[in-house]
Amino acid sequence: MDILKELFSDFTLLGLVVFFLTILAMWLVGIPRKIAFVVFTISQVIQIYIFFEKNQGFLILTMIILIVFNVINYFRWKTQGIN
């Protein structure tokens, strides 16, 4: 039973939300839909919270950089007329 406690921490529900949001966002990118970048950003904000609680500075920095790329790509796709 200790292995279950290790695998399913306090952040399991948030991790599950991040999992589904990321899968959804990747699917939306493939359609393509610019809302994918909004979904990615929401997922990454949740990840920042999780990483902050676990003192993972470099992962927080990675998520911040990815959010910047999401904003750039959102507006790039908007100017190209992608929904």
PDB file of N, CA and C in Angstrom:
ATOM      1  N   MET A   1       0.801  -1.207   0.000  1.00  0.00           N
ATOM      2  CA  MET A   1       0.000   0.000   0.000  1.00  0.00           C
ATOM      3  C   MET A   1       0.842   1.269   0.000  1.00  0.00           C
ATOM      4  N   ASP A   2       2.085   1.181   0.447  1.00  0.00           N
ATOM      5  CA  ASP A   2       2.940   2.374   0.441  1.00  0.00           C
ATOM      6  C   ASP A   2       3.222   2.855  -0.965  1.00  0.00           C
ATOM      7  N   ILE A   3       3.292   1.932  -1.915  1.00  0.00           N
ATOM      8  CA  ILE A   3       3.539   2.323  -3.299  1.00  0.00           C
ATOM      9  C   ILE A   3       2.382   3.165  -3.836  1.00  0.00           C
ATOM     10  N   LEU A   4       1.157   2.843  -3.419  1.00  0.00           N
ATOM     11  CA  LEU A   4       0.010   3.633  -3.840  1.00  0.00           C
ATOM     12  C   LEU A   4       0.074   5.044  -3.276  1.00  0.00           C
ATOM     13  N   LYS A   5       0.536   5.177  -2.042  1.00  0.00           N
ATOM     14  CA  LYS A   5       0.670   6.508  -1.449  1.00  0.00           C
ATOM     15  C   LYS A   5       1.711   7.333  -2.190  1.00  0.00           C
ATOM     16  N   GLU A   6       2.779   6.660  -2.656  1.00  0.00           N
ATOM     17  CA  GLU A   6       3.810   7.369  -3.411  1.00  0.00           C
ATOM     18  C   GLU A   6       3.295   7.792  -4.783  1.00  0.00           C
ATOM     19  N   LEU A   7       2.565   6.898  -5.450  1.00  0.00           N
ATOM     20  CA  LEU A   7       2.095   7.189  -6.801  1.00  0.00           C
ATOM     21  C   LEU A   7       0.973   8.219  -6.824  1.00  0.00           C
ATOM     22  N   PHE A   8       0.119   8.181  -5.822  1.00  0.00           N
ATOM     23  CA  PHE A   8      -1.032   9.064  -5.785  1.00  0.00           C
ATOM     24  C   PHE A   8      -0.897  10.044  -4.631  1.00  0.00           C
ATOM     25  N   SER A   9      -0.169  11.115  -4.901  1.00  0.00           N
ATOM     26  CA  SER A   9       0.072  12.123  -3.879  1.00  0.00           C
ATOM     27  C   SER A   9      -1.105  13.090  -3.809  1.00  0.00           C
ATOM     28  N   ASP A  10      -0.918  14.166  -3.080  1.00  0.00           N
ATOM     29  CA  ASP A  10      -1.948  15.191  -2.961  1.00  0.00           C
ATOM     30  C   ASP A  10      -2.249  15.845  -4.302  1.00  0.00           C
ATOM     31  N   PHE A  11      -1.308  15.758  -5.232  1.00  0.00           N
ATOM     32  CA  PHE A  11      -1.451  16.438  -6.514  1.00  0.00           C
ATOM     33  C   PHE A  11      -2.000  15.531  -7.610  1.00  0.00           C
ATOM     34  N   THR A  12      -2.506  14.362  -7.240  1.00  0.00           N
ATOM     35  CA  THR A  12      -2.991  13.423  -8.241  1.00  0.00           C
ATOM     36  C   THR A  12      -4.118  14.012  -9.069  1.00  0.00           C
ATOM     37  N   LEU A  13      -5.082  14.642  -8.436  1.00  0.00           N
ATOM     38  CA  LEU A  13      -6.211  15.214  -9.166  1.00  0.00           C
ATOM     39  C   LEU A  13      -5.735  16.313 -10.110  1.00  0.00           C
ATOM     40  N   LEU A  14      -4.861  17.188  -9.632  1.00  0.00           N
ATOM     41  CA  LEU A  14      -4.326  18.231 -10.506  1.00  0.00           C
ATOM     42  C   LEU A  14      -3.526  17.624 -11.645  1.00  0.00           C
ATOM     43  N   GLY A  15      -2.762  16.588 -11.362  1.00  0.00           N
ATOM     44  CA  GLY A  15      -2.016  15.907 -12.407  1.00  0.00           C
ATOM     45  C   GLY A  15      -2.927  15.301 -13.452  1.00  0.00           C
ATOM     46  N   LEU A  16      -4.048  14.759 -13.014  1.00  0.00           N
ATOM     47  CA  LEU A  16      -5.027  14.192 -13.935  1.00  0.00           C
ATOM     48  C   LEU A  16      -5.643  15.284 -14.809  1.00  0.00           C
ATOM     49  N   VAL A  17      -5.948  16.427 -14.223  1.00  0.00           N
ATOM     50  CA  VAL A  17      -6.471  17.561 -14.991  1.00  0.00           C
ATOM     51  C   VAL A  17      -5.440  18.006 -16.028  1.00  0.00           C
ATOM     52  N   VAL A  18      -4.181  18.128 -15.612  1.00  0.00           N
ATOM     53  CA  VAL A  18      -3.112  18.508 -16.529  1.00  0.00           C
ATOM     54  C   VAL A  18      -3.005  17.494 -17.666  1.00  0.00           C
ATOM     55  N   PHE A  19      -3.090  16.220 -17.336  1.00  0.00           N
ATOM     56  CA  PHE A  19      -3.019  15.165 -18.346  1.00  0.00           C
ATOM     57  C   PHE A  19      -4.088  15.361 -19.410  1.00  0.00           C
ATOM     58  N   PHE A  20      -5.341  15.516 -19.007  1.00  0.00           N
ATOM     59  CA  PHE A  20      -6.429  15.653 -19.966  1.00  0.00           C
ATOM     60  C   PHE A  20      -6.355  16.961 -20.743  1.00  0.00           C
ATOM     61  N   LEU A  21      -5.977  18.051 -20.071  1.00  0.00           N
ATOM     62  CA  LEU A  21      -5.846  19.325 -20.773  1.00  0.00           C
ATOM     63  C   LEU A  21      -4.754  19.275 -21.834  1.00  0.00           C
ATOM     64  N   THR A  22      -3.635  18.638 -21.507  1.00  0.00           N
ATOM     65  CA  THR A  22      -2.537  18.547 -22.459  1.00  0.00           C
ATOM     66  C   THR A  22      -2.923  17.689 -23.658  1.00  0.00           C
ATOM     67  N   ILE A  23      -3.593  16.563 -23.422  1.00  0.00           N
ATOM     68  CA  ILE A  23      -4.060  15.711 -24.521  1.00  0.00           C
ATOM     69  C   ILE A  23      -5.049  16.482 -25.395  1.00  0.00           C
ATOM     70  N   LEU A  24      -5.980  17.187 -24.779  1.00  0.00           N
ATOM     71  CA  LEU A  24      -6.953  17.987 -25.525  1.00  0.00           C
ATOM     72  C   LEU A  24      -6.250  19.057 -26.351  1.00  0.00           C
ATOM     73  N   ALA A  25      -5.289  19.747 -25.757  1.00  0.00           N
ATOM     74  CA  ALA A  25      -4.580  20.806 -26.465  1.00  0.00           C
ATOM     75  C   ALA A  25      -3.820  20.261 -27.664  1.00  0.00           C
ATOM     76  N   MET A  26      -3.170  19.118 -27.496  1.00  0.00           N
ATOM     77  CA  MET A  26      -2.440  18.526 -28.624  1.00  0.00           C
ATOM     78  C   MET A  26      -3.396  18.150 -29.752  1.00  0.00           C
ATOM     79  N   TRP A  27      -4.565  17.651 -29.403  1.00  0.00           N
ATOM     80  CA  TRP A  27      -5.567  17.321 -30.412  1.00  0.00           C
ATOM     81  C   TRP A  27      -6.023  18.583 -31.136  1.00  0.00           C
ATOM     82  N   LEU A  28      -6.234  19.662 -30.379  1.00  0.00           N
ATOM     83  CA  LEU A  28      -6.671  20.924 -30.985  1.00  0.00           C
ATOM     84  C   LEU A  28      -5.596  21.519 -31.894  1.00  0.00           C
ATOM     85  N   VAL A  29      -4.338  21.340 -31.561  1.00  0.00           N
ATOM     86  CA  VAL A  29      -3.261  21.812 -32.428  1.00  0.00           C
ATOM     87  C   VAL A  29      -3.318  21.070 -33.766  1.00  0.00           C
ATOM     88  N   GLY A  30      -3.644  19.803 -33.724  1.00  0.00           N
ATOM     89  CA  GLY A  30      -3.702  18.998 -34.936  1.00  0.00           C
ATOM     90  C   GLY A  30      -4.854  19.335 -35.846  1.00  0.00           C
ATOM     91  N   ILE A  31      -5.887  19.993 -35.332  1.00  0.00           N
ATOM     92  CA  ILE A  31      -7.075  20.274 -36.157  1.00  0.00           C
ATOM     93  C   ILE A  31      -6.813  21.349 -37.216  1.00  0.00           C
ATOM     94  N   PRO A  32      -6.207  22.434 -37.131  1.00  0.00           N
ATOM     95  CA  PRO A  32      -5.681  23.243 -36.030  1.00  0.00           C
ATOM     96  C   PRO A  32      -6.704  24.253 -35.500  1.00  0.00           C
ATOM     97  N   ARG A  33      -6.626  24.488 -34.223  1.00  0.00           N
ATOM     98  CA  ARG A  33      -7.456  25.488 -33.535  1.00  0.00           C
ATOM     99  C   ARG A  33      -6.554  26.276 -32.589  1.00  0.00           C
ATOM    100  N   LYS A  34      -6.659  27.598 -32.652  1.00  0.00           N
ATOM    101  CA  LYS A  34      -5.785  28.418 -31.803  1.00  0.00           C
ATOM    102  C   LYS A  34      -6.162  28.344 -30.324  1.00  0.00           C
ATOM    103  N   ILE A  35      -7.363  27.878 -30.005  1.00  0.00           N
ATOM    104  CA  ILE A  35      -7.758  27.696 -28.607  1.00  0.00           C
ATOM    105  C   ILE A  35      -6.838  26.688 -27.920  1.00  0.00           C
ATOM    106  N   ALA A  36      -6.131  25.877 -28.715  1.00  0.00           N
ATOM    107  CA  ALA A  36      -5.185  24.907 -28.151  1.00  0.00           C
ATOM    108  C   ALA A  36      -4.151  25.604 -27.278  1.00  0.00           C
ATOM    109  N   PHE A  37      -3.708  26.775 -27.697  1.00  0.00           N
ATOM    110  CA  PHE A  37      -2.697  27.484 -26.925  1.00  0.00           C
ATOM    111  C   PHE A  37      -3.250  28.000 -25.601  1.00  0.00           C
ATOM    112  N   VAL A  38      -4.532  28.307 -25.564  1.00  0.00           N
ATOM    113  CA  VAL A  38      -5.186  28.707 -24.314  1.00  0.00           C
ATOM    114  C   VAL A  38      -5.258  27.497 -23.377  1.00  0.00           C
ATOM    115  N   VAL A  39      -5.630  26.343 -23.917  1.00  0.00           N
ATOM    116  CA  VAL A  39      -5.718  25.125 -23.109  1.00  0.00           C
ATOM    117  C   VAL A  39      -4.333  24.742 -22.586  1.00  0.00           C
ATOM    118  N   PHE A  40      -3.309  24.828 -23.466  1.00  0.00           N
ATOM    119  CA  PHE A  40      -1.944  24.562 -23.018  1.00  0.00           C
ATOM    120  C   PHE A  40      -1.557  25.496 -21.874  1.00  0.00           C
ATOM    121  N   THR A  41      -1.905  26.774 -21.993  1.00  0.00           N
ATOM    122  CA  THR A  41      -1.543  27.753 -20.966  1.00  0.00           C
ATOM    123  C   THR A  41      -2.210  27.428 -19.637  1.00  0.00           C
ATOM    124  N   ILE A  42      -3.468  27.051 -19.665  1.00  0.00           N
ATOM    125  CA  ILE A  42      -4.158  26.668 -18.432  1.00  0.00           C
ATOM    126  C   ILE A  42      -3.458  25.473 -17.794  1.00  0.00           C
ATOM    127  N   SER A  43      -3.117  24.484 -18.611  1.00  0.00           N
ATOM    128  CA  SER A  43      -2.404  23.313 -18.122  1.00  0.00           C
ATOM    129  C   SER A  43      -1.071  23.701 -17.491  1.00  0.00           C
ATOM    130  N   GLN A  44      -0.358  24.602 -18.132  1.00  0.00           N
ATOM    131  CA  GLN A  44       0.954  24.995 -17.632  1.00  0.00           C
ATOM    132  C   GLN A  44       0.864  25.842 -16.361  1.00  0.00           C
ATOM    133  N   VAL A  45      -0.191  26.615 -16.217  1.00  0.00           N
ATOM    134  CA  VAL A  45      -0.381  27.367 -14.972  1.00  0.00           C
ATOM    135  C   VAL A  45      -0.615  26.398 -13.809  1.00  0.00           C
ATOM    136  N   ILE A  46      -1.402  25.358 -14.046  1.00  0.00           N
ATOM    137  CA  ILE A  46      -1.603  24.337 -13.008  1.00  0.00           C
ATOM    138  C   ILE A  46      -0.276  23.662 -12.671  1.00  0.00           C
ATOM    139  N   GLN A  47       0.517  23.373 -13.709  1.00  0.00           N
ATOM    140  CA  GLN A  47       1.819  22.749 -13.475  1.00  0.00           C
ATOM    141  C   GLN A  47       2.746  23.669 -12.682  1.00  0.00           C
ATOM    142  N   ILE A  48       2.687  24.964 -12.943  1.00  0.00           N
ATOM    143  CA  ILE A  48       3.498  25.913 -12.173  1.00  0.00           C
ATOM    144  C   ILE A  48       3.133  25.820 -10.700  1.00  0.00           C
ATOM    145  N   TYR A  49       1.840  25.744 -10.398  1.00  0.00           N
ATOM    146  CA  TYR A  49       1.411  25.612  -9.005  1.00  0.00           C
ATOM    147  C   TYR A  49       1.989  24.339  -8.380  1.00  0.00           C
ATOM    148  N   ILE A  50       1.865  23.219  -9.104  1.00  0.00           N
ATOM    149  CA  ILE A  50       2.381  21.944  -8.584  1.00  0.00           C
ATOM    150  C   ILE A  50       3.886  22.036  -8.366  1.00  0.00           C
ATOM    151  N   PHE A  51       4.601  22.563  -9.352  1.00  0.00           N
ATOM    152  CA  PHE A  51       6.062  22.651  -9.250  1.00  0.00           C
ATOM    153  C   PHE A  51       6.490  23.629  -8.163  1.00  0.00           C
ATOM    154  N   PHE A  52       5.711  24.691  -7.946  1.00  0.00           N
ATOM    155  CA  PHE A  52       6.018  25.637  -6.874  1.00  0.00           C
ATOM    156  C   PHE A  52       5.921  24.946  -5.522  1.00  0.00           C
ATOM    157  N   GLU A  53       4.872  24.155  -5.352  1.00  0.00           N
ATOM    158  CA  GLU A  53       4.688  23.428  -4.094  1.00  0.00           C
ATOM    159  C   GLU A  53       5.789  22.397  -3.860  1.00  0.00           C
ATOM    160  N   LYS A  54       6.394  21.916  -4.933  1.00  0.00           N
ATOM    161  CA  LYS A  54       7.452  20.906  -4.827  1.00  0.00           C
ATOM    162  C   LYS A  54       8.847  21.502  -4.995  1.00  0.00           C
ATOM    163  N   ASN A  55       8.928  22.842  -5.009  1.00  0.00           N
ATOM    164  CA  ASN A  55      10.209  23.558  -5.111  1.00  0.00           C
ATOM    165  C   ASN A  55      11.023  23.129  -6.335  1.00  0.00           C
ATOM    166  N   GLN A  56      10.390  23.121  -7.491  1.00  0.00           N
ATOM    167  CA  GLN A  56      11.034  22.725  -8.738  1.00  0.00           C
ATOM    168  C   GLN A  56      11.224  23.960  -9.622  1.00  0.00           C
ATOM    169  N   GLY A  57      12.239  24.751  -9.305  1.00  0.00           N
ATOM    170  CA  GLY A  57      12.466  26.027  -9.961  1.00  0.00           C
ATOM    171  C   GLY A  57      12.651  25.950 -11.462  1.00  0.00           C
ATOM    172  N   PHE A  58      13.448  24.995 -11.939  1.00  0.00           N
ATOM    173  CA  PHE A  58      13.701  24.916 -13.373  1.00  0.00           C
ATOM    174  C   PHE A  58      12.463  24.481 -14.150  1.00  0.00           C
ATOM    175  N   LEU A  59      11.635  23.654 -13.545  1.00  0.00           N
ATOM    176  CA  LEU A  59      10.391  23.276 -14.212  1.00  0.00           C
ATOM    177  C   LEU A  59       9.417  24.444 -14.260  1.00  0.00           C
ATOM    178  N   ILE A  60       9.416  25.275 -13.235  1.00  0.00           N
ATOM    179  CA  ILE A  60       8.595  26.493 -13.255  1.00  0.00           C
ATOM    180  C   ILE A  60       9.070  27.404 -14.376  1.00  0.00           C
ATOM    181  N   LEU A  61      10.382  27.588 -14.483  1.00  0.00           N
ATOM    182  CA  LEU A  61      10.946  28.415 -15.551  1.00  0.00           C
ATOM    183  C   LEU A  61      10.570  27.850 -16.922  1.00  0.00           C
ATOM    184  N   THR A  62      10.636  26.544 -17.073  1.00  0.00           N
ATOM    185  CA  THR A  62      10.251  25.905 -18.333  1.00  0.00           C
ATOM    186  C   THR A  62       8.799  26.213 -18.675  1.00  0.00           C
ATOM    187  N   MET A  63       7.904  26.105 -17.705  1.00  0.00           N
ATOM    188  CA  MET A  63       6.483  26.372 -17.949  1.00  0.00           C
ATOM    189  C   MET A  63       6.254  27.837 -18.320  1.00  0.00           C
ATOM    190  N   ILE A  64       6.982  28.750 -17.686  1.00  0.00           N
ATOM    191  CA  ILE A  64       6.842  30.179 -18.010  1.00  0.00           C
ATOM    192  C   ILE A  64       7.274  30.434 -19.452  1.00  0.00           C
ATOM    193  N   ILE A  65       8.380  29.830 -19.860  1.00  0.00           N
ATOM    194  CA  ILE A  65       8.848  29.989 -21.246  1.00  0.00           C
ATOM    195  C   ILE A  65       7.830  29.402 -22.222  1.00  0.00           C
ATOM    196  N   LEU A  66       7.263  28.248 -21.887  1.00  0.00           N
ATOM    197  CA  LEU A  66       6.251  27.640 -22.754  1.00  0.00           C
ATOM    198  C   LEU A  66       4.992  28.504 -22.847  1.00  0.00           C
ATOM    199  N   ILE A  67       4.626  29.161 -21.762  1.00  0.00           N
ATOM    200  CA  ILE A  67       3.476  30.070 -21.796  1.00  0.00           C
ATOM    201  C   ILE A  67       3.752  31.234 -22.743  1.00  0.00           C
ATOM    202  N   VAL A  68       4.976  31.758 -22.710  1.00  0.00           N
ATOM    203  CA  VAL A  68       5.346  32.842 -23.637  1.00  0.00           C
ATOM    204  C   VAL A  68       5.206  32.353 -25.082  1.00  0.00           C
ATOM    205  N   PHE A  69       5.687  31.134 -25.367  1.00  0.00           N
ATOM    206  CA  PHE A  69       5.542  30.565 -26.712  1.00  0.00           C
ATOM    207  C   PHE A  69       4.071  30.380 -27.083  1.00  0.00           C
ATOM    208  N   ASN A  70       3.253  29.993 -26.125  1.00  0.00           N
ATOM    209  CA  ASN A  70       1.820  29.838 -26.397  1.00  0.00           C
ATOM    210  C   ASN A  70       1.193  31.162 -26.809  1.00  0.00           C
ATOM    211  N   VAL A  71       1.543  32.238 -26.119  1.00  0.00           N
ATOM    212  CA  VAL A  71       0.996  33.558 -26.452  1.00  0.00           C
ATOM    213  C   VAL A  71       1.470  33.982 -27.848  1.00  0.00           C
ATOM    214  N   ILE A  72       2.753  33.790 -28.118  1.00  0.00           N
ATOM    215  CA  ILE A  72       3.296  34.149 -29.437  1.00  0.00           C
ATOM    216  C   ILE A  72       2.589  33.361 -30.539  1.00  0.00           C
ATOM    217  N   ASN A  73       2.477  32.053 -30.351  1.00  0.00           N
ATOM    218  CA  ASN A  73       1.854  31.214 -31.376  1.00  0.00           C
ATOM    219  C   ASN A  73       0.365  31.487 -31.534  1.00  0.00           C
ATOM    220  N   TYR A  74      -0.298  31.817 -30.438  1.00  0.00           N
ATOM    221  CA  TYR A  74      -1.715  32.169 -30.527  1.00  0.00           C
ATOM    222  C   TYR A  74      -1.898  33.348 -31.472  1.00  0.00           C
ATOM    223  N   PHE A  75      -1.113  34.395 -31.276  1.00  0.00           N
ATOM    224  CA  PHE A  75      -1.256  35.585 -32.121  1.00  0.00           C
ATOM    225  C   PHE A  75      -0.724  35.348 -33.529  1.00  0.00           C
ATOM    226  N   ARG A  76       0.272  34.482 -33.669  1.00  0.00           N
ATOM    227  CA  ARG A  76       0.764  34.129 -35.003  1.00  0.00           C
ATOM    228  C   ARG A  76      -0.334  33.415 -35.789  1.00  0.00           C
ATOM    229  N   TRP A  77      -1.002  32.464 -35.156  1.00  0.00           N
ATOM    230  CA  TRP A  77      -2.079  31.748 -35.829  1.00  0.00           C
ATOM    231  C   TRP A  77      -3.253  32.679 -36.100  1.00  0.00           C
ATOM    232  N   LYS A  78      -3.491  33.639 -35.187  1.00  0.00           N
ATOM    233  CA  LYS A  78      -4.594  34.580 -35.375  1.00  0.00           C
ATOM    234  C   LYS A  78      -4.356  35.432 -36.619  1.00  0.00           C
ATOM    235  N   THR A  79      -3.110  35.894 -36.812  1.00  0.00           N
ATOM    236  CA  THR A  79      -2.812  36.718 -37.978  1.00  0.00           C
ATOM    237  C   THR A  79      -2.852  35.892 -39.272  1.00  0.00           C
ATOM    238  N   GLN A  80      -2.674  34.583 -39.171  1.00  0.00           N
ATOM    239  CA  GLN A  80      -2.756  33.708 -40.348  1.00  0.00           C
ATOM    240  C   GLN A  80      -4.191  33.274 -40.643  1.00  0.00           C
ATOM    241  N   GLY A  81      -5.113  33.696 -39.801  1.00  0.00           N
ATOM    242  CA  GLY A  81      -6.520  33.388 -40.029  1.00  0.00           C
ATOM    243  C   GLY A  81      -6.956  32.001 -39.584  1.00  0.00           C
ATOM    244  N   ILE A  82      -6.176  31.371 -38.732  1.00  0.00           N
ATOM    245  CA  ILE A  82      -6.550  30.052 -38.210  1.00  0.00           C
ATOM    246  C   ILE A  82      -7.516  30.249 -37.056  1.00  0.00           C
ATOM    247  N   ASN A  83      -8.600  29.455 -37.067  1.00  0.00           N
ATOM    248  CA  ASN A  83      -9.628  29.587 -36.021  1.00  0.00           C
ATOM    249  C   ASN A  83      -9.025  29.267 -34.708  1.00  0.00           C
TER     250      ASN A  83
END
